[in-house]
Amino acid sequence: MEQKEVKRNSDKRKINIFLIFLLCSFLAWLVSKLSETYVDRTTFDLEYINVPDSLLLADNTFKDVDVKLRASGFQFLGFNFNRKKIKIDLSAVANNDSKFYISQLDFRKQVERQLSASMTLLEVEKDTLYLDFYKLGSKEVPISSNIKINPAQNYLVEGELTMEPSLVEIRGPIKELDIINSVSTSEVELNEISEDFSIVVDLVLPEELANCALSEKNVRISGNVFRFSEKVIKIPVEVINIPEGTQINTFPNTLEVLCKARIERLKDIGPSDFKIVADFQEERGDNQNLRVSLMEEPVDVYSVQLLENEVEFILKRQ
């Protein structure tokens, strides 16, 4: 029994040794083959550098190029796993009748300079490398706010919001710049605001400006918030353009206005700061009442609302 076990182990060792020698032989053969020089085709990725400041490379520009090489098997094998990237210098791109190109000679030289000494470039797929560019320009446009502010109860935002900066420069293809007149902020909603605020908001580049860039990525928006109060004031009604030899009485002869402002400002506001006028000659149609208008109101108040917009009247001859 022990003799059979010993024989079986001996056979396994012989098989393992044979497989190891077979593997080593295969590897030696593979290394020998890969070390040999071959002529074959491969593809290089193109990376464009030093694009002129006045131009923008279009998206449809060639991204790769097929070449014919003389190289070792190891090198071709490496290209299969990681394609070589060739940098194409566009600082001296040629221009003929609005067509931009790199000549075959220049293109070939740029490729050859980036190959190892053990490689030989035999052919390049493209005779001349034609390039599409957009002519660039710049334009300064205002920034529009896309902010919704919901103040807390009895609070208001004073005046206009301030933006820093208020203008932004757009740089991109001239054709795209012609269609844009402003740039908006991202949408923001502020709720229950009861004090002054200052926030940074991103700018949104419109979809139609895919090839453009903004000089600023965001803008600071600030606003002043104040607590307000309300005051109702009675104002006498003044009638103008009354027929000669007549007298008019209005009912009522005073109207109320609702004024919203800072508490300290409301203390200084009185009837003399307002003027309510009704024009007797104004077309009234089927309505025989007089329409009234608020002709004068104080400054530095948030809002003034006339609570009624017409009065009845009696006309008497003198």
C-alpha atoms as a PDB file:
ATOM      1  CA  MET A   1       0.000   0.000   0.000  1.00  0.00           C
ATOM      2  CA  GLU A   2       2.798   2.375   0.926  1.00  0.00           C
ATOM      3  CA  GLN A   3       4.600   1.533  -2.334  1.00  0.00           C
ATOM      4  CA  LYS A   4       1.531   2.546  -4.379  1.00  0.00           C
ATOM      5  CA  GLU A   5       1.274   5.860  -2.504  1.00  0.00           C
ATOM      6  CA  VAL A   6       4.941   6.602  -3.091  1.00  0.00           C
ATOM      7  CA  LYS A   7       4.577   5.787  -6.800  1.00  0.00           C
ATOM      8  CA  ARG A   8       1.503   8.044  -7.113  1.00  0.00           C
ATOM      9  CA  ASN A   9       3.326  10.992  -5.501  1.00  0.00           C
ATOM     10  CA  SER A  10       6.306  10.408  -7.775  1.00  0.00           C
ATOM     11  CA  ASP A  11       4.056  10.519 -10.853  1.00  0.00           C
ATOM     12  CA  LYS A  12       2.489  13.800  -9.684  1.00  0.00           C
ATOM     13  CA  ARG A  13       5.918  15.361  -9.242  1.00  0.00           C
ATOM     14  CA  LYS A  14       6.931  14.300 -12.724  1.00  0.00           C
ATOM     15  CA  ILE A  15       3.738  15.820 -14.202  1.00  0.00           C
ATOM     16  CA  ASN A  16       4.262  19.072 -12.307  1.00  0.00           C
ATOM     17  CA  ILE A  17       7.868  19.291 -13.438  1.00  0.00           C
ATOM     18  CA  PHE A  18       6.777  18.643 -17.015  1.00  0.00           C
ATOM     19  CA  LEU A  19       4.132  21.379 -16.833  1.00  0.00           C
ATOM     20  CA  ILE A  20       6.650  23.829 -15.389  1.00  0.00           C
ATOM     21  CA  PHE A  21       9.101  23.102 -18.204  1.00  0.00           C
ATOM     22  CA  LEU A  22       6.258  23.410 -20.710  1.00  0.00           C
ATOM     23  CA  LEU A  23       5.247  26.781 -19.289  1.00  0.00           C
ATOM     24  CA  CYS A  24       8.833  28.007 -19.267  1.00  0.00           C
ATOM     25  CA  SER A  25       9.260  26.873 -22.852  1.00  0.00           C
ATOM     26  CA  PHE A  26       6.076  28.717 -23.876  1.00  0.00           C
ATOM     27  CA  LEU A  27       7.165  31.871 -22.093  1.00  0.00           C
ATOM     28  CA  ALA A  28      10.597  31.693 -23.681  1.00  0.00           C
ATOM     29  CA  TRP A  29       8.973  31.275 -27.089  1.00  0.00           C
ATOM     30  CA  LEU A  30       6.531  34.139 -26.406  1.00  0.00           C
ATOM     31  CA  VAL A  31       9.325  36.471 -25.263  1.00  0.00           C
ATOM     32  CA  SER A  32      11.309  35.531 -28.341  1.00  0.00           C
ATOM     33  CA  LYS A  33       8.374  36.272 -30.628  1.00  0.00           C
ATOM     34  CA  LEU A  34       7.445  39.547 -28.886  1.00  0.00           C
ATOM     35  CA  SER A  35      11.058  40.670 -29.063  1.00  0.00           C
ATOM     36  CA  GLU A  36      11.002  40.423 -32.820  1.00  0.00           C
ATOM     37  CA  THR A  37      10.242  43.439 -35.008  1.00  0.00           C
ATOM     38  CA  TYR A  38       6.915  43.628 -36.807  1.00  0.00           C
ATOM     39  CA  VAL A  39       5.165  46.007 -39.199  1.00  0.00           C
ATOM     40  CA  ASP A  40       1.556  46.625 -38.236  1.00  0.00           C
ATOM     41  CA  ARG A  41      -1.079  49.296 -37.791  1.00  0.00           C
ATOM     42  CA  THR A  42      -2.228  50.860 -34.538  1.00  0.00           C
ATOM     43  CA  THR A  43      -4.218  53.879 -33.358  1.00  0.00           C
ATOM     44  CA  PHE A  44      -2.911  56.857 -31.401  1.00  0.00           C
ATOM     45  CA  ASP A  45      -5.099  59.247 -29.398  1.00  0.00           C
ATOM     46  CA  LEU A  46      -4.612  62.940 -30.190  1.00  0.00           C
ATOM     47  CA  GLU A  47      -4.347  65.669 -27.554  1.00  0.00           C
ATOM     48  CA  TYR A  48      -4.291  69.252 -28.819  1.00  0.00           C
ATOM     49  CA  ILE A  49      -2.171  71.792 -26.953  1.00  0.00           C
ATOM     50  CA  ASN A  50      -1.302  75.491 -27.295  1.00  0.00           C
ATOM     51  CA  VAL A  51      -4.572  76.453 -28.979  1.00  0.00           C
ATOM     52  CA  PRO A  52      -4.365  80.157 -30.060  1.00  0.00           C
ATOM     53  CA  ASP A  53      -6.148  82.489 -27.624  1.00  0.00           C
ATOM     54  CA  SER A  54      -8.392  83.885 -30.356  1.00  0.00           C
ATOM     55  CA  LEU A  55      -9.702  80.447 -31.370  1.00  0.00           C
ATOM     56  CA  LEU A  56     -11.662  77.592 -29.827  1.00  0.00           C
ATOM     57  CA  LEU A  57     -11.284  74.049 -31.079  1.00  0.00           C
ATOM     58  CA  ALA A  58     -14.602  72.540 -32.213  1.00  0.00           C
ATOM     59  CA  ASP A  59     -15.877  69.280 -30.758  1.00  0.00           C
ATOM     60  CA  ASN A  60     -15.843  67.503 -34.132  1.00  0.00           C
ATOM     61  CA  THR A  61     -12.039  67.677 -34.383  1.00  0.00           C
ATOM     62  CA  PHE A  62     -10.280  64.335 -34.969  1.00  0.00           C
ATOM     63  CA  LYS A  63      -9.674  62.547 -31.675  1.00  0.00           C
ATOM     64  CA  ASP A  64      -7.324  59.831 -32.986  1.00  0.00           C
ATOM     65  CA  VAL A  65      -5.219  58.796 -35.969  1.00  0.00           C
ATOM     66  CA  ASP A  66      -4.279  55.441 -37.520  1.00  0.00           C
ATOM     67  CA  VAL A  67      -0.574  54.887 -38.205  1.00  0.00           C
ATOM     68  CA  LYS A  68       1.632  52.178 -39.648  1.00  0.00           C
ATOM     69  CA  LEU A  69       4.669  51.337 -37.512  1.00  0.00           C
ATOM     70  CA  ARG A  70       7.706  49.138 -37.369  1.00  0.00           C
ATOM     71  CA  ALA A  71       8.028  48.157 -33.717  1.00  0.00           C
ATOM     72  CA  SER A  72       8.570  45.196 -31.419  1.00  0.00           C
ATOM     73  CA  GLY A  73       5.813  42.811 -30.497  1.00  0.00           C
ATOM     74  CA  PHE A  74       6.005  44.058 -26.913  1.00  0.00           C
ATOM     75  CA  GLN A  75       5.275  47.607 -28.067  1.00  0.00           C
ATOM     76  CA  PHE A  76       2.290  46.584 -30.198  1.00  0.00           C
ATOM     77  CA  LEU A  77       0.997  44.504 -27.295  1.00  0.00           C
ATOM     78  CA  GLY A  78       1.239  47.538 -25.021  1.00  0.00           C
ATOM     79  CA  PHE A  79      -0.782  49.651 -27.478  1.00  0.00           C
ATOM     80  CA  ASN A  80      -3.630  47.142 -27.192  1.00  0.00           C
ATOM     81  CA  PHE A  81      -3.940  47.781 -23.441  1.00  0.00           C
ATOM     82  CA  ASN A  82      -3.076  51.494 -23.333  1.00  0.00           C
ATOM     83  CA  ARG A  83      -3.248  53.550 -26.508  1.00  0.00           C
ATOM     84  CA  LYS A  84      -0.428  56.011 -26.887  1.00  0.00           C
ATOM     85  CA  LYS A  85      -1.366  59.698 -26.625  1.00  0.00           C
ATOM     86  CA  ILE A  86       0.215  62.099 -29.117  1.00  0.00           C
ATOM     87  CA  LYS A  87       0.240  65.831 -28.301  1.00  0.00           C
ATOM     88  CA  ILE A  88      -0.386  68.061 -31.319  1.00  0.00           C
ATOM     89  CA  ASP A  89       0.963  71.604 -30.949  1.00  0.00           C
ATOM     90  CA  LEU A  90      -1.431  74.119 -32.538  1.00  0.00           C
ATOM     91  CA  SER A  91       0.611  77.253 -31.847  1.00  0.00           C
ATOM     92  CA  ALA A  92       1.672  77.450 -35.493  1.00  0.00           C
ATOM     93  CA  VAL A  93      -1.496  76.158 -37.166  1.00  0.00           C
ATOM     94  CA  ALA A  94      -1.760  77.255 -40.812  1.00  0.00           C
ATOM     95  CA  ASN A  95      -4.734  79.192 -42.188  1.00  0.00           C
ATOM     96  CA  ASN A  96      -5.864  79.324 -45.808  1.00  0.00           C
ATOM     97  CA  ASP A  97      -9.217  80.847 -46.851  1.00  0.00           C
ATOM     98  CA  SER A  98     -10.627  80.438 -43.325  1.00  0.00           C
ATOM     99  CA  LYS A  99      -9.526  76.792 -43.290  1.00  0.00           C
ATOM    100  CA  PHE A 100      -7.168  75.745 -40.533  1.00  0.00           C
ATOM    101  CA  TYR A 101      -4.814  72.819 -40.990  1.00  0.00           C
ATOM    102  CA  ILE A 102      -1.528  71.175 -40.082  1.00  0.00           C
ATOM    103  CA  SER A 103       0.448  70.006 -43.069  1.00  0.00           C
ATOM    104  CA  GLN A 104       1.315  66.351 -43.492  1.00  0.00           C
ATOM    105  CA  LEU A 105       5.026  67.060 -42.970  1.00  0.00           C
ATOM    106  CA  ASP A 106       4.478  68.998 -39.754  1.00  0.00           C
ATOM    107  CA  PHE A 107       1.936  66.462 -38.473  1.00  0.00           C
ATOM    108  CA  ARG A 108       4.288  63.567 -39.199  1.00  0.00           C
ATOM    109  CA  LYS A 109       7.199  65.305 -37.488  1.00  0.00           C
ATOM    110  CA  GLN A 110       5.150  65.922 -34.354  1.00  0.00           C
ATOM    111  CA  VAL A 111       4.174  62.249 -34.188  1.00  0.00           C
ATOM    112  CA  GLU A 112       7.721  61.005 -34.816  1.00  0.00           C
ATOM    113  CA  ARG A 113       9.191  63.208 -32.071  1.00  0.00           C
ATOM    114  CA  GLN A 114       7.017  61.418 -29.513  1.00  0.00           C
ATOM    115  CA  LEU A 115       7.945  57.867 -30.543  1.00  0.00           C
ATOM    116  CA  SER A 116      10.744  55.921 -28.944  1.00  0.00           C
ATOM    117  CA  ALA A 117      13.960  55.355 -30.895  1.00  0.00           C
ATOM    118  CA  SER A 118      13.052  51.698 -31.381  1.00  0.00           C
ATOM    119  CA  MET A 119       9.920  52.615 -33.358  1.00  0.00           C
ATOM    120  CA  THR A 120       9.754  53.698 -36.996  1.00  0.00           C
ATOM    121  CA  LEU A 121       6.785  55.581 -38.385  1.00  0.00           C
ATOM    122  CA  LEU A 122       5.995  54.276 -41.869  1.00  0.00           C
ATOM    123  CA  GLU A 123       2.608  55.823 -42.705  1.00  0.00           C
ATOM    124  CA  VAL A 124       0.136  58.318 -41.287  1.00  0.00           C
ATOM    125  CA  GLU A 125      -3.532  57.940 -42.116  1.00  0.00           C
ATOM    126  CA  LYS A 126      -4.209  61.629 -42.775  1.00  0.00           C
ATOM    127  CA  ASP A 127      -2.301  63.536 -45.455  1.00  0.00           C
ATOM    128  CA  THR A 128      -3.270  66.866 -43.913  1.00  0.00           C
ATOM    129  CA  LEU A 129      -4.923  67.395 -40.557  1.00  0.00           C
ATOM    130  CA  TYR A 130      -7.829  69.831 -41.029  1.00  0.00           C
ATOM    131  CA  LEU A 131      -9.178  71.528 -37.925  1.00  0.00           C
ATOM    132  CA  ASP A 132     -12.435  73.312 -37.128  1.00  0.00           C
ATOM    133  CA  PHE A 133     -12.195  76.413 -34.948  1.00  0.00           C
ATOM    134  CA  TYR A 134     -14.623  78.966 -33.597  1.00  0.00           C
ATOM    135  CA  LYS A 135     -13.475  82.570 -33.645  1.00  0.00           C
ATOM    136  CA  LEU A 136     -13.649  83.836 -30.091  1.00  0.00           C
ATOM    137  CA  GLY A 137     -14.919  87.110 -28.743  1.00  0.00           C
ATOM    138  CA  SER A 138     -16.045  88.530 -25.414  1.00  0.00           C
ATOM    139  CA  LYS A 139     -19.126  90.359 -24.226  1.00  0.00           C
ATOM    140  CA  GLU A 140     -20.094  91.974 -20.932  1.00  0.00           C
ATOM    141  CA  VAL A 141     -23.720  91.450 -19.918  1.00  0.00           C
ATOM    142  CA  PRO A 142     -25.773  92.242 -16.799  1.00  0.00           C
ATOM    143  CA  ILE A 143     -26.635  89.608 -14.223  1.00  0.00           C
ATOM    144  CA  SER A 144     -30.299  89.012 -13.478  1.00  0.00           C
ATOM    145  CA  SER A 145     -31.413  87.662 -10.124  1.00  0.00           C
ATOM    146  CA  ASN A 146     -33.522  84.527  -9.919  1.00  0.00           C
ATOM    147  CA  ILE A 147     -34.204  84.784  -6.203  1.00  0.00           C
ATOM    148  CA  LYS A 148     -37.599  84.565  -4.539  1.00  0.00           C
ATOM    149  CA  ILE A 149     -37.732  86.308  -1.166  1.00  0.00           C
ATOM    150  CA  ASN A 150     -40.527  85.654   1.313  1.00  0.00           C
ATOM    151  CA  PRO A 151     -40.063  88.031   4.272  1.00  0.00           C
ATOM    152  CA  ALA A 152     -41.402  87.158   7.700  1.00  0.00           C
ATOM    153  CA  GLN A 153     -44.680  88.738   8.771  1.00  0.00           C
ATOM    154  CA  ASN A 154     -44.461  92.549   9.062  1.00  0.00           C
ATOM    155  CA  TYR A 155     -41.062  92.611   7.343  1.00  0.00           C
ATOM    156  CA  LEU A 156     -40.168  93.968   3.917  1.00  0.00           C
ATOM    157  CA  VAL A 157     -37.124  94.130   1.647  1.00  0.00           C
ATOM    158  CA  GLU A 158     -36.002  97.707   1.233  1.00  0.00           C
ATOM    159  CA  GLY A 159     -35.243  98.876  -2.296  1.00  0.00           C
ATOM    160  CA  GLU A 160     -33.463  96.812  -4.942  1.00  0.00           C
ATOM    161  CA  LEU A 161     -31.143  93.895  -4.227  1.00  0.00           C
ATOM    162  CA  THR A 162     -27.448  94.626  -4.719  1.00  0.00           C
ATOM    163  CA  MET A 163     -25.217  92.265  -6.700  1.00  0.00           C
ATOM    164  CA  GLU A 164     -21.452  92.095  -6.689  1.00  0.00           C
ATOM    165  CA  PRO A 165     -20.461  91.961  -9.459  1.00  0.00           C
ATOM    166  CA  SER A 166     -23.462  93.266 -11.398  1.00  0.00           C
ATOM    167  CA  LEU A 167     -21.864  92.470 -14.778  1.00  0.00           C
ATOM    168  CA  VAL A 168     -20.139  89.350 -16.061  1.00  0.00           C
ATOM    169  CA  GLU A 169     -17.914  88.828 -19.079  1.00  0.00           C
ATOM    170  CA  ILE A 170     -18.726  85.949 -21.406  1.00  0.00           C
ATOM    171  CA  ARG A 171     -15.985  84.587 -23.640  1.00  0.00           C
ATOM    172  CA  GLY A 172     -16.775  82.233 -26.475  1.00  0.00           C
ATOM    173  CA  PRO A 173     -17.686  81.870 -30.158  1.00  0.00           C
ATOM    174  CA  ILE A 174     -18.940  85.148 -31.612  1.00  0.00           C
ATOM    175  CA  LYS A 175     -22.032  83.450 -33.078  1.00  0.00           C
ATOM    176  CA  GLU A 176     -23.087  82.295 -29.630  1.00  0.00           C
ATOM    177  CA  LEU A 177     -22.408  85.662 -27.999  1.00  0.00           C
ATOM    178  CA  ASP A 178     -24.785  87.415 -30.396  1.00  0.00           C
ATOM    179  CA  ILE A 179     -27.830  85.645 -28.930  1.00  0.00           C
ATOM    180  CA  ILE A 180     -27.265  86.409 -25.233  1.00  0.00           C
ATOM    181  CA  ASN A 181     -28.087  89.669 -23.440  1.00  0.00           C
ATOM    182  CA  SER A 182     -27.948  88.641 -19.783  1.00  0.00           C
ATOM    183  CA  VAL A 183     -26.958  85.818 -17.446  1.00  0.00           C
ATOM    184  CA  SER A 184     -29.174  84.594 -14.629  1.00  0.00           C
ATOM    185  CA  THR A 185     -28.362  83.247 -11.202  1.00  0.00           C
ATOM    186  CA  SER A 186     -29.468  79.818 -10.094  1.00  0.00           C
ATOM    187  CA  GLU A 187     -32.937  79.611  -8.536  1.00  0.00           C
ATOM    188  CA  VAL A 188     -32.957  80.319  -4.807  1.00  0.00           C
ATOM    189  CA  GLU A 189     -35.857  80.800  -2.371  1.00  0.00           C
ATOM    190  CA  LEU A 190     -35.403  82.562   0.976  1.00  0.00           C
ATOM    191  CA  ASN A 191     -38.225  82.141   3.481  1.00  0.00           C
ATOM    192  CA  GLU A 192     -39.149  83.953   6.701  1.00  0.00           C
ATOM    193  CA  ILE A 193     -36.463  86.603   6.222  1.00  0.00           C
ATOM    194  CA  SER A 194     -36.391  89.093   9.114  1.00  0.00           C
ATOM    195  CA  GLU A 195     -32.913  90.607   8.877  1.00  0.00           C
ATOM    196  CA  ASP A 196     -30.410  91.864   6.328  1.00  0.00           C
ATOM    197  CA  PHE A 197     -28.915  89.067   4.235  1.00  0.00           C
ATOM    198  CA  SER A 198     -25.965  88.399   1.953  1.00  0.00           C
ATOM    199  CA  ILE A 199     -25.613  85.128   0.041  1.00  0.00           C
ATOM    200  CA  VAL A 200     -23.401  83.725  -2.705  1.00  0.00           C
ATOM    201  CA  VAL A 201     -25.338  82.317  -5.652  1.00  0.00           C
ATOM    202  CA  ASP A 202     -24.012  80.393  -8.660  1.00  0.00           C
ATOM    203  CA  LEU A 203     -24.387  81.800 -12.149  1.00  0.00           C
ATOM    204  CA  VAL A 204     -26.111  79.616 -14.737  1.00  0.00           C
ATOM    205  CA  LEU A 205     -24.610  79.356 -18.204  1.00  0.00           C
ATOM    206  CA  PRO A 206     -27.455  78.933 -20.731  1.00  0.00           C
ATOM    207  CA  GLU A 207     -27.482  75.660 -22.661  1.00  0.00           C
ATOM    208  CA  GLU A 208     -27.133  77.485 -25.971  1.00  0.00           C
ATOM    209  CA  LEU A 209     -23.722  78.780 -24.808  1.00  0.00           C
ATOM    210  CA  ALA A 210     -22.129  75.342 -24.638  1.00  0.00           C
ATOM    211  CA  ASN A 211     -18.764  76.611 -25.916  1.00  0.00           C
ATOM    212  CA  CYS A 212     -18.636  79.762 -23.767  1.00  0.00           C
ATOM    213  CA  ALA A 213     -17.129  80.508 -20.376  1.00  0.00           C
ATOM    214  CA  LEU A 214     -17.993  83.093 -17.728  1.00  0.00           C
ATOM    215  CA  SER A 215     -15.441  85.339 -16.041  1.00  0.00           C
ATOM    216  CA  GLU A 216     -17.223  84.689 -12.715  1.00  0.00           C
ATOM    217  CA  LYS A 217     -18.771  81.498 -11.387  1.00  0.00           C
ATOM    218  CA  ASN A 218     -20.968  83.116  -8.742  1.00  0.00           C
ATOM    219  CA  VAL A 219     -22.285  86.437  -7.485  1.00  0.00           C
ATOM    220  CA  ARG A 220     -22.938  87.878  -4.032  1.00  0.00           C
ATOM    221  CA  ILE A 221     -26.492  89.153  -3.541  1.00  0.00           C
ATOM    222  CA  SER A 222     -27.396  91.351  -0.585  1.00  0.00           C
ATOM    223  CA  GLY A 223     -30.593  92.943   0.637  1.00  0.00           C
ATOM    224  CA  ASN A 224     -31.774  95.139   3.496  1.00  0.00           C
ATOM    225  CA  VAL A 225     -34.792  93.991   5.473  1.00  0.00           C
ATOM    226  CA  PHE A 226     -36.837  96.197   7.806  1.00  0.00           C
ATOM    227  CA  ARG A 227     -39.822  95.831  10.042  1.00  0.00           C
ATOM    228  CA  PHE A 228     -42.798  97.883   8.856  1.00  0.00           C
ATOM    229  CA  SER A 229     -46.032  99.138  10.318  1.00  0.00           C
ATOM    230  CA  GLU A 230     -49.289 100.359   8.811  1.00  0.00           C
ATOM    231  CA  LYS A 231     -51.179 103.582   9.199  1.00  0.00           C
ATOM    232  CA  VAL A 232     -54.566 104.621   7.802  1.00  0.00           C
ATOM    233  CA  ILE A 233     -54.855 108.320   6.991  1.00  0.00           C
ATOM    234  CA  LYS A 234     -57.948 110.248   5.898  1.00  0.00           C
ATOM    235  CA  ILE A 235     -57.338 112.546   2.924  1.00  0.00           C
ATOM    236  CA  PRO A 236     -59.778 115.208   1.601  1.00  0.00           C
ATOM    237  CA  VAL A 237     -60.995 114.755  -1.986  1.00  0.00           C
ATOM    238  CA  GLU A 238     -60.304 117.602  -4.418  1.00  0.00           C
ATOM    239  CA  VAL A 239     -62.488 117.915  -7.541  1.00  0.00           C
ATOM    240  CA  ILE A 240     -61.118 119.711 -10.604  1.00  0.00           C
ATOM    241  CA  ASN A 241     -62.656 120.947 -13.875  1.00  0.00           C
ATOM    242  CA  ILE A 242     -66.019 121.780 -12.262  1.00  0.00           C
ATOM    243  CA  PRO A 243     -68.468 123.562 -14.639  1.00  0.00           C
ATOM    244  CA  GLU A 244     -68.579 127.328 -14.195  1.00  0.00           C
ATOM    245  CA  GLY A 245     -71.311 128.557 -11.856  1.00  0.00           C
ATOM    246  CA  THR A 246     -71.655 125.247 -10.050  1.00  0.00           C
ATOM    247  CA  GLN A 247     -70.671 123.838  -6.698  1.00  0.00           C
ATOM    248  CA  ILE A 248     -69.949 120.164  -5.978  1.00  0.00           C
ATOM    249  CA  ASN A 249     -70.134 118.090  -2.833  1.00  0.00           C
ATOM    250  CA  THR A 250     -68.664 114.575  -2.698  1.00  0.00           C
ATOM    251  CA  PHE A 251     -69.775 111.706  -0.514  1.00  0.00           C
ATOM    252  CA  PRO A 252     -67.630 110.943   1.281  1.00  0.00           C
ATOM    253  CA  ASN A 253     -65.525 114.080   1.185  1.00  0.00           C
ATOM    254  CA  THR A 254     -62.480 112.255   2.573  1.00  0.00           C
ATOM    255  CA  LEU A 255     -60.968 108.889   1.616  1.00  0.00           C
ATOM    256  CA  GLU A 256     -58.657 106.584   3.504  1.00  0.00           C
ATOM    257  CA  VAL A 257     -55.204 105.523   2.335  1.00  0.00           C
ATOM    258  CA  LEU A 258     -53.264 102.639   3.811  1.00  0.00           C
ATOM    259  CA  CYS A 259     -49.586 103.525   4.162  1.00  0.00           C
ATOM    260  CA  LYS A 260     -46.828 100.967   4.899  1.00  0.00           C
ATOM    261  CA  ALA A 261     -43.441 102.206   6.072  1.00  0.00           C
ATOM    262  CA  ARG A 262     -40.935 102.080   8.891  1.00  0.00           C
ATOM    263  CA  ILE A 263     -42.464 102.919  12.242  1.00  0.00           C
ATOM    264  CA  GLU A 264     -40.301 106.021  12.679  1.00  0.00           C
ATOM    265  CA  ARG A 265     -41.261 107.247   9.175  1.00  0.00           C
ATOM    266  CA  LEU A 266     -45.001 106.818   9.781  1.00  0.00           C
ATOM    267  CA  LYS A 267     -44.812 109.206  12.744  1.00  0.00           C
ATOM    268  CA  ASP A 268     -43.936 112.065  10.364  1.00  0.00           C
ATOM    269  CA  ILE A 269     -46.609 111.346   7.740  1.00  0.00           C
ATOM    270  CA  GLY A 270     -49.884 113.257   7.705  1.00  0.00           C
ATOM    271  CA  PRO A 271     -52.757 114.264   5.361  1.00  0.00           C
ATOM    272  CA  SER A 272     -50.740 117.145   3.871  1.00  0.00           C
ATOM    273  CA  ASP A 273     -48.332 114.598   2.314  1.00  0.00           C
ATOM    274  CA  PHE A 274     -51.105 113.257   0.061  1.00  0.00           C
ATOM    275  CA  LYS A 275     -53.344 114.614  -2.666  1.00  0.00           C
ATOM    276  CA  ILE A 276     -56.474 112.866  -3.928  1.00  0.00           C
ATOM    277  CA  VAL A 277     -58.076 114.306  -7.065  1.00  0.00           C
ATOM    278  CA  ALA A 278     -61.294 113.628  -8.999  1.00  0.00           C
ATOM    279  CA  ASP A 279     -61.652 115.060 -12.517  1.00  0.00           C
ATOM    280  CA  PHE A 280     -65.258 116.074 -13.202  1.00  0.00           C
ATOM    281  CA  GLN A 281     -64.636 116.142 -16.980  1.00  0.00           C
ATOM    282  CA  GLU A 282     -63.335 112.569 -17.086  1.00  0.00           C
ATOM    283  CA  GLU A 283     -65.526 110.156 -19.064  1.00  0.00           C
ATOM    284  CA  ARG A 284     -67.700 108.205 -16.619  1.00  0.00           C
ATOM    285  CA  GLY A 285     -69.814 106.022 -18.928  1.00  0.00           C
ATOM    286  CA  ASP A 286     -72.762 104.378 -17.192  1.00  0.00           C
ATOM    287  CA  ASN A 287     -71.201 104.942 -13.793  1.00  0.00           C
ATOM    288  CA  GLN A 288     -72.196 108.380 -12.507  1.00  0.00           C
ATOM    289  CA  ASN A 289     -69.684 108.330  -9.650  1.00  0.00           C
ATOM    290  CA  LEU A 290     -66.419 110.239  -9.847  1.00  0.00           C
ATOM    291  CA  ARG A 291     -63.240 108.231 -10.114  1.00  0.00           C
ATOM    292  CA  VAL A 292     -60.422 109.410  -7.875  1.00  0.00           C
ATOM    293  CA  SER A 293     -56.637 109.196  -8.239  1.00  0.00           C
ATOM    294  CA  LEU A 294     -53.821 109.535  -5.779  1.00  0.00           C
ATOM    295  CA  MET A 295     -51.747 112.343  -7.289  1.00  0.00           C
ATOM    296  CA  GLU A 296     -49.223 112.932  -4.526  1.00  0.00           C
ATOM    297  CA  GLU A 297     -47.731 110.690  -1.875  1.00  0.00           C
ATOM    298  CA  PRO A 298     -44.742 110.841   0.483  1.00  0.00           C
ATOM    299  CA  VAL A 299     -41.329 109.432  -0.321  1.00  0.00           C
ATOM    300  CA  ASP A 300     -39.462 106.776   1.641  1.00  0.00           C
ATOM    301  CA  VAL A 301     -42.538 104.591   2.138  1.00  0.00           C
ATOM    302  CA  TYR A 302     -42.979 101.019   0.994  1.00  0.00           C
ATOM    303  CA  SER A 303     -46.515 101.334  -0.363  1.00  0.00           C
ATOM    304  CA  VAL A 304     -49.575 103.582  -0.372  1.00  0.00           C
ATOM    305  CA  GLN A 305     -52.966 102.064  -1.152  1.00  0.00           C
ATOM    306  CA  LEU A 306     -56.148 104.026  -1.818  1.00  0.00           C
ATOM    307  CA  LEU A 307     -58.890 102.040  -0.096  1.00  0.00           C
ATOM    308  CA  GLU A 308     -61.682 103.411  -2.344  1.00  0.00           C
ATOM    309  CA  ASN A 309     -61.381 104.585  -5.930  1.00  0.00           C
ATOM    310  CA  GLU A 310     -64.608 106.558  -6.451  1.00  0.00           C
ATOM    311  CA  VAL A 311     -67.008 108.958  -4.709  1.00  0.00           C
ATOM    312  CA  GLU A 312     -70.629 110.002  -5.182  1.00  0.00           C
ATOM    313  CA  PHE A 313     -71.420 113.653  -5.744  1.00  0.00           C
ATOM    314  CA  ILE A 314     -74.117 116.309  -5.853  1.00  0.00           C
ATOM    315  CA  LEU A 315     -73.770 119.246  -8.232  1.00  0.00           C
ATOM    316  CA  LYS A 316     -75.434 122.542  -7.231  1.00  0.00           C
ATOM    317  CA  ARG A 317     -75.796 125.730  -9.218  1.00  0.00           C
ATOM    318  CA  GLN A 318     -74.656 128.852  -7.440  1.00  0.00           C
END
